[in-house]
Every structure is written in C-alpha cells, then in structure tokens.
Amino acid sequence: MTYIVNDKCIRCKYTDCVEVCPVDCFYEGESMLVIHPDECIDCGVCEPECPPEAILPDTDQGAEKWLQFNADKSLAWPNITRRKDAPADADDFQDVEGKFEAYFVDRPGEGDV
C-alpha cells in the first residue's frame, strides 16, 4: 500500500503534509502536490494533516486512478521538502467539485529542488 493525492488538493495545496513526511516523498506542481509511490513508506502521518482530505491510501475506492497520476507527476515535478503558505484563497476551494477539469495546470511548481 502507498498513499496518493487526488484532485481535492487542486487550488488548495496546503503543505502541512510535507512538513510531517519522514521521507520527503511529495512533489509540487503548479496547482497541486503528488506523492511518489515508490518513495512513500506507508506511514500515514500525512493523511490527517490534509484539510481537504486529498490524501488517501491507494486501497480506497477511486484511488487506483490517482496512483499512476501520482507516479507520473512525481517524476516530472520538483520535490518539496518544506511547508509553504497555502494560496490565499485555498479555503474557498476545499469543497469545490470538478477541480481537475477546471483548475488543473500541468506545470512544475516552485518546489525545493
């Protein structure tokens, strides 16, 4: 088992999860974070730190489609190892539906490289 980040992270991009990760397996895109599944040690400490509940075990229903997405993007985006301030309007986007179609941007973020 590993953990994944799904589309609930888009436009929220809280990084509290990054702060607690013991193996630095988070990667940052412009609009969201992902977890490198081969680096994740399945400890689960990141899951309760995510306000929009975007981090799930890959065994949860619906997570399987995000596993490959996380794997692919973690190879393309820079590693992030420190907490950053969330976007100013992050709270406004926590419960928005259809965020992937409306707000996903496939570019690297400004992570710690």
N, C-alpha and C. Protein backbone atom coordinates (compact mmCIF):
# COMPACT_ATOMS: atom_id res chain seq x y z
N MET A 1 0.84 -1.18 0.00
CA MET A 1 0.00 0.00 0.00
C MET A 1 0.89 1.24 0.00
N THR A 2 0.40 2.28 -0.62
CA THR A 2 1.02 3.60 -0.59
C THR A 2 -0.09 4.63 -0.48
N TYR A 3 0.26 5.85 -0.34
CA TYR A 3 -0.72 6.93 -0.29
C TYR A 3 -0.68 7.71 -1.59
N ILE A 4 -1.80 8.31 -1.93
CA ILE A 4 -1.91 9.12 -3.14
C ILE A 4 -2.54 10.46 -2.79
N VAL A 5 -2.35 11.42 -3.67
CA VAL A 5 -3.04 12.70 -3.57
C VAL A 5 -4.02 12.75 -4.74
N ASN A 6 -5.26 13.14 -4.45
CA ASN A 6 -6.25 13.23 -5.52
C ASN A 6 -6.57 14.70 -5.83
N ASP A 7 -7.58 14.90 -6.65
CA ASP A 7 -7.91 16.24 -7.14
C ASP A 7 -8.43 17.21 -6.08
N LYS A 8 -8.71 16.72 -4.88
CA LYS A 8 -9.14 17.64 -3.81
C LYS A 8 -8.02 18.60 -3.42
N CYS A 9 -6.79 18.29 -3.78
CA CYS A 9 -5.64 19.15 -3.48
C CYS A 9 -5.57 20.36 -4.40
N ILE A 10 -6.15 20.26 -5.56
CA ILE A 10 -6.05 21.32 -6.56
C ILE A 10 -6.60 22.64 -6.02
N ARG A 11 -5.81 23.68 -6.17
CA ARG A 11 -6.10 25.06 -5.73
C ARG A 11 -6.10 25.22 -4.22
N CYS A 12 -5.94 24.13 -3.46
CA CYS A 12 -5.80 24.23 -2.01
C CYS A 12 -4.32 24.20 -1.67
N LYS A 13 -3.67 23.13 -2.07
CA LYS A 13 -2.23 22.95 -1.95
C LYS A 13 -1.67 23.36 -0.59
N TYR A 14 -2.33 22.86 0.45
CA TYR A 14 -1.77 23.02 1.79
C TYR A 14 -0.54 22.13 1.84
N THR A 15 0.45 22.51 2.56
CA THR A 15 1.67 21.71 2.60
C THR A 15 1.99 21.20 4.00
N ASP A 16 1.00 21.14 4.85
CA ASP A 16 1.19 20.58 6.19
C ASP A 16 1.67 19.13 6.09
N CYS A 17 1.21 18.43 5.06
CA CYS A 17 1.59 17.04 4.83
C CYS A 17 3.09 16.92 4.56
N VAL A 18 3.63 17.87 3.86
CA VAL A 18 5.06 17.88 3.52
C VAL A 18 5.89 18.00 4.79
N GLU A 19 5.43 18.82 5.70
CA GLU A 19 6.14 19.08 6.96
C GLU A 19 6.32 17.81 7.79
N VAL A 20 5.33 16.92 7.77
CA VAL A 20 5.39 15.72 8.62
C VAL A 20 5.95 14.49 7.92
N CYS A 21 6.15 14.55 6.63
CA CYS A 21 6.62 13.38 5.87
C CYS A 21 8.07 13.05 6.23
N PRO A 22 8.31 11.83 6.76
CA PRO A 22 9.68 11.47 7.16
C PRO A 22 10.61 11.13 6.01
N VAL A 23 10.07 10.93 4.80
CA VAL A 23 10.92 10.53 3.67
C VAL A 23 10.88 11.50 2.50
N ASP A 24 10.26 12.64 2.67
CA ASP A 24 10.23 13.67 1.62
C ASP A 24 9.77 13.14 0.27
N CYS A 25 8.61 12.50 0.25
CA CYS A 25 8.12 11.89 -0.99
C CYS A 25 7.05 12.72 -1.70
N PHE A 26 6.93 14.01 -1.35
CA PHE A 26 5.97 14.89 -2.01
C PHE A 26 6.65 15.68 -3.13
N TYR A 27 5.87 15.91 -4.18
CA TYR A 27 6.34 16.66 -5.35
C TYR A 27 5.30 17.71 -5.65
N GLU A 28 5.76 18.87 -6.15
CA GLU A 28 4.89 20.02 -6.30
C GLU A 28 4.69 20.43 -7.75
N GLY A 29 3.42 20.45 -8.14
CA GLY A 29 3.04 21.04 -9.41
C GLY A 29 2.48 22.42 -9.16
N GLU A 30 2.14 23.11 -10.20
CA GLU A 30 1.63 24.47 -10.02
C GLU A 30 0.33 24.50 -9.24
N SER A 31 -0.54 23.52 -9.46
CA SER A 31 -1.85 23.57 -8.83
C SER A 31 -2.10 22.52 -7.75
N MET A 32 -1.15 21.57 -7.54
CA MET A 32 -1.37 20.53 -6.54
C MET A 32 -0.05 19.83 -6.19
N LEU A 33 -0.12 18.96 -5.21
CA LEU A 33 1.00 18.12 -4.82
C LEU A 33 0.70 16.68 -5.21
N VAL A 34 1.73 15.85 -5.31
CA VAL A 34 1.57 14.40 -5.51
C VAL A 34 2.57 13.69 -4.62
N ILE A 35 2.35 12.39 -4.44
CA ILE A 35 3.25 11.54 -3.66
C ILE A 35 3.91 10.54 -4.61
N HIS A 36 5.22 10.39 -4.49
CA HIS A 36 5.93 9.38 -5.28
C HIS A 36 5.65 8.02 -4.61
N PRO A 37 4.92 7.13 -5.27
CA PRO A 37 4.50 5.88 -4.63
C PRO A 37 5.65 4.95 -4.26
N ASP A 38 6.76 5.02 -4.96
CA ASP A 38 7.89 4.15 -4.62
C ASP A 38 8.72 4.70 -3.46
N GLU A 39 8.54 5.96 -3.14
CA GLU A 39 9.26 6.57 -2.02
C GLU A 39 8.44 6.57 -0.74
N CYS A 40 7.13 6.53 -0.87
CA CYS A 40 6.23 6.54 0.29
C CYS A 40 6.45 5.26 1.11
N ILE A 41 6.58 5.42 2.43
CA ILE A 41 6.79 4.26 3.30
C ILE A 41 5.50 3.83 4.00
N ASP A 42 4.38 4.36 3.54
CA ASP A 42 3.07 3.95 4.03
C ASP A 42 2.85 4.22 5.52
N CYS A 43 3.48 5.25 6.05
CA CYS A 43 3.35 5.54 7.48
C CYS A 43 2.01 6.19 7.81
N GLY A 44 1.45 6.94 6.86
CA GLY A 44 0.14 7.54 7.05
C GLY A 44 0.11 8.83 7.85
N VAL A 45 1.26 9.37 8.25
CA VAL A 45 1.24 10.59 9.06
C VAL A 45 0.75 11.80 8.27
N CYS A 46 0.83 11.76 6.96
CA CYS A 46 0.40 12.89 6.13
C CYS A 46 -1.12 12.98 6.01
N GLU A 47 -1.78 11.85 6.04
CA GLU A 47 -3.23 11.82 5.77
C GLU A 47 -4.05 12.74 6.68
N PRO A 48 -3.87 12.70 8.01
CA PRO A 48 -4.69 13.58 8.85
C PRO A 48 -4.28 15.06 8.79
N GLU A 49 -3.15 15.36 8.17
CA GLU A 49 -2.67 16.74 8.07
C GLU A 49 -3.29 17.50 6.91
N CYS A 50 -4.05 16.82 6.06
CA CYS A 50 -4.58 17.44 4.84
C CYS A 50 -6.01 17.97 5.08
N PRO A 51 -6.18 19.30 5.16
CA PRO A 51 -7.51 19.86 5.41
C PRO A 51 -8.59 19.44 4.40
N PRO A 52 -8.30 19.38 3.08
CA PRO A 52 -9.38 18.98 2.16
C PRO A 52 -9.52 17.45 2.01
N GLU A 53 -8.74 16.69 2.81
CA GLU A 53 -8.78 15.22 2.76
C GLU A 53 -8.46 14.68 1.37
N ALA A 54 -7.40 15.22 0.79
CA ALA A 54 -6.97 14.83 -0.56
C ALA A 54 -5.98 13.67 -0.54
N ILE A 55 -5.52 13.25 0.63
CA ILE A 55 -4.56 12.15 0.73
C ILE A 55 -5.28 10.91 1.21
N LEU A 56 -5.14 9.84 0.41
CA LEU A 56 -5.83 8.58 0.71
C LEU A 56 -4.90 7.40 0.47
N PRO A 57 -5.15 6.28 1.16
CA PRO A 57 -4.42 5.07 0.82
C PRO A 57 -4.82 4.63 -0.59
N ASP A 58 -3.91 4.01 -1.32
CA ASP A 58 -4.23 3.59 -2.69
C ASP A 58 -5.24 2.44 -2.72
N THR A 59 -5.60 1.93 -1.56
CA THR A 59 -6.59 0.86 -1.49
C THR A 59 -8.02 1.40 -1.36
N ASP A 60 -8.17 2.70 -1.13
CA ASP A 60 -9.51 3.29 -1.04
C ASP A 60 -10.17 3.31 -2.41
N GLN A 61 -11.49 3.24 -2.41
CA GLN A 61 -12.24 3.28 -3.66
C GLN A 61 -11.96 4.58 -4.40
N GLY A 62 -11.67 4.49 -5.68
CA GLY A 62 -11.39 5.64 -6.51
C GLY A 62 -9.93 6.07 -6.52
N ALA A 63 -9.13 5.51 -5.62
CA ALA A 63 -7.72 5.91 -5.54
C ALA A 63 -6.87 5.30 -6.65
N GLU A 64 -7.30 4.19 -7.20
CA GLU A 64 -6.47 3.50 -8.20
C GLU A 64 -6.15 4.38 -9.41
N LYS A 65 -7.09 5.22 -9.82
CA LYS A 65 -6.82 6.07 -10.99
C LYS A 65 -5.80 7.16 -10.65
N TRP A 66 -5.65 7.50 -9.38
CA TRP A 66 -4.70 8.52 -8.97
C TRP A 66 -3.30 7.97 -8.72
N LEU A 67 -3.19 6.67 -8.56
CA LEU A 67 -1.88 6.06 -8.30
C LEU A 67 -0.92 6.32 -9.47
N GLN A 68 -1.35 6.06 -10.69
CA GLN A 68 -0.50 6.29 -11.86
C GLN A 68 -0.25 7.78 -12.07
N PHE A 69 -1.26 8.58 -11.83
CA PHE A 69 -1.11 10.03 -11.95
C PHE A 69 -0.01 10.52 -11.00
N ASN A 70 -0.06 10.09 -9.74
CA ASN A 70 0.96 10.48 -8.77
C ASN A 70 2.33 9.99 -9.19
N ALA A 71 2.41 8.76 -9.68
CA ALA A 71 3.69 8.20 -10.12
C ALA A 71 4.27 9.03 -11.27
N ASP A 72 3.45 9.33 -12.25
CA ASP A 72 3.92 10.09 -13.42
C ASP A 72 4.35 11.51 -13.05
N LYS A 73 3.53 12.21 -12.30
CA LYS A 73 3.83 13.60 -11.97
C LYS A 73 5.01 13.71 -11.01
N SER A 74 5.20 12.73 -10.14
CA SER A 74 6.33 12.80 -9.21
C SER A 74 7.66 12.67 -9.94
N LEU A 75 7.64 12.12 -11.13
CA LEU A 75 8.85 12.04 -11.94
C LEU A 75 9.11 13.34 -12.71
N ALA A 76 8.07 14.13 -12.91
CA ALA A 76 8.19 15.35 -13.72
C ALA A 76 8.30 16.63 -12.88
N TRP A 77 7.78 16.60 -11.67
CA TRP A 77 7.72 17.80 -10.83
C TRP A 77 8.83 17.79 -9.79
N PRO A 78 9.22 18.97 -9.28
CA PRO A 78 10.28 19.04 -8.26
C PRO A 78 9.80 18.57 -6.89
N ASN A 79 10.73 18.01 -6.15
CA ASN A 79 10.49 17.57 -4.79
C ASN A 79 10.26 18.79 -3.89
N ILE A 80 9.34 18.67 -2.96
CA ILE A 80 9.10 19.73 -1.98
C ILE A 80 9.34 19.12 -0.60
N THR A 81 10.15 19.78 0.20
CA THR A 81 10.54 19.22 1.49
C THR A 81 10.19 20.11 2.67
N ARG A 82 9.65 21.30 2.39
CA ARG A 82 9.30 22.23 3.47
C ARG A 82 7.90 22.78 3.27
N ARG A 83 7.27 23.04 4.39
CA ARG A 83 5.93 23.63 4.37
C ARG A 83 6.01 25.05 3.80
N LYS A 84 4.99 25.39 3.03
CA LYS A 84 4.82 26.74 2.49
C LYS A 84 3.44 27.22 2.87
N ASP A 85 3.23 28.51 2.77
CA ASP A 85 1.89 29.04 2.99
C ASP A 85 0.99 28.57 1.86
N ALA A 86 -0.23 28.20 2.21
CA ALA A 86 -1.23 27.82 1.20
C ALA A 86 -1.64 29.06 0.41
N PRO A 87 -2.16 28.87 -0.78
CA PRO A 87 -2.68 30.02 -1.53
C PRO A 87 -3.71 30.78 -0.68
N ALA A 88 -3.78 32.07 -0.85
CA ALA A 88 -4.66 32.91 -0.04
C ALA A 88 -6.13 32.48 -0.12
N ASP A 89 -6.54 31.94 -1.27
CA ASP A 89 -7.94 31.54 -1.43
C ASP A 89 -8.15 30.03 -1.28
N ALA A 90 -7.20 29.34 -0.67
CA ALA A 90 -7.27 27.88 -0.55
C ALA A 90 -8.55 27.41 0.14
N ASP A 91 -8.95 28.06 1.20
CA ASP A 91 -10.16 27.65 1.91
C ASP A 91 -11.40 27.71 1.03
N ASP A 92 -11.42 28.64 0.10
CA ASP A 92 -12.57 28.79 -0.80
C ASP A 92 -12.71 27.62 -1.77
N PHE A 93 -11.63 26.87 -1.98
CA PHE A 93 -11.64 25.79 -2.96
C PHE A 93 -11.74 24.39 -2.36
N GLN A 94 -11.81 24.29 -1.03
CA GLN A 94 -11.82 22.97 -0.39
C GLN A 94 -12.95 22.07 -0.85
N ASP A 95 -14.14 22.59 -1.00
CA ASP A 95 -15.31 21.76 -1.32
C ASP A 95 -15.80 21.92 -2.74
N VAL A 96 -15.01 22.52 -3.60
CA VAL A 96 -15.40 22.73 -4.99
C VAL A 96 -15.32 21.41 -5.75
N GLU A 97 -16.34 21.09 -6.51
CA GLU A 97 -16.37 19.89 -7.34
C GLU A 97 -15.79 20.20 -8.72
N GLY A 98 -15.27 19.18 -9.40
CA GLY A 98 -14.78 19.35 -10.76
C GLY A 98 -13.51 20.17 -10.87
N LYS A 99 -12.69 20.15 -9.82
CA LYS A 99 -11.48 20.97 -9.83
C LYS A 99 -10.46 20.52 -10.87
N PHE A 100 -10.37 19.23 -11.15
CA PHE A 100 -9.38 18.78 -12.13
C PHE A 100 -9.66 19.39 -13.49
N GLU A 101 -10.88 19.31 -13.93
CA GLU A 101 -11.26 19.83 -15.25
C GLU A 101 -11.16 21.35 -15.31
N ALA A 102 -11.45 22.02 -14.22
CA ALA A 102 -11.50 23.48 -14.22
C ALA A 102 -10.17 24.16 -13.87
N TYR A 103 -9.36 23.51 -13.00
CA TYR A 103 -8.22 24.24 -12.45
C TYR A 103 -6.86 23.54 -12.53
N PHE A 104 -6.81 22.30 -12.98
CA PHE A 104 -5.52 21.61 -13.01
C PHE A 104 -4.59 22.26 -14.05
N VAL A 105 -3.34 22.49 -13.64
CA VAL A 105 -2.31 23.03 -14.52
C VAL A 105 -1.14 22.05 -14.48
N ASP A 106 -0.73 21.56 -15.63
CA ASP A 106 0.32 20.56 -15.69
C ASP A 106 1.69 21.20 -15.91
N ARG A 107 2.12 21.93 -14.90
CA ARG A 107 3.45 22.54 -14.91
C ARG A 107 4.07 22.31 -13.54
N PRO A 108 5.38 22.26 -13.50
CA PRO A 108 6.05 22.14 -12.20
C PRO A 108 5.75 23.35 -11.33
N GLY A 109 5.77 23.12 -10.02
CA GLY A 109 5.61 24.23 -9.08
C GLY A 109 6.97 24.81 -8.76
N GLU A 110 7.01 25.55 -7.71
CA GLU A 110 8.25 26.17 -7.28
C GLU A 110 8.78 25.43 -6.06
N GLY A 111 8.91 24.10 -6.18
CA GLY A 111 9.35 23.28 -5.06
C GLY A 111 10.82 23.45 -4.76
N ASP A 112 11.22 22.85 -3.66
CA ASP A 112 12.63 22.85 -3.27
C ASP A 112 13.35 21.80 -4.08
N VAL A 113 14.22 22.21 -4.97
CA VAL A 113 14.94 21.26 -5.80
C VAL A 113 16.35 21.09 -5.33
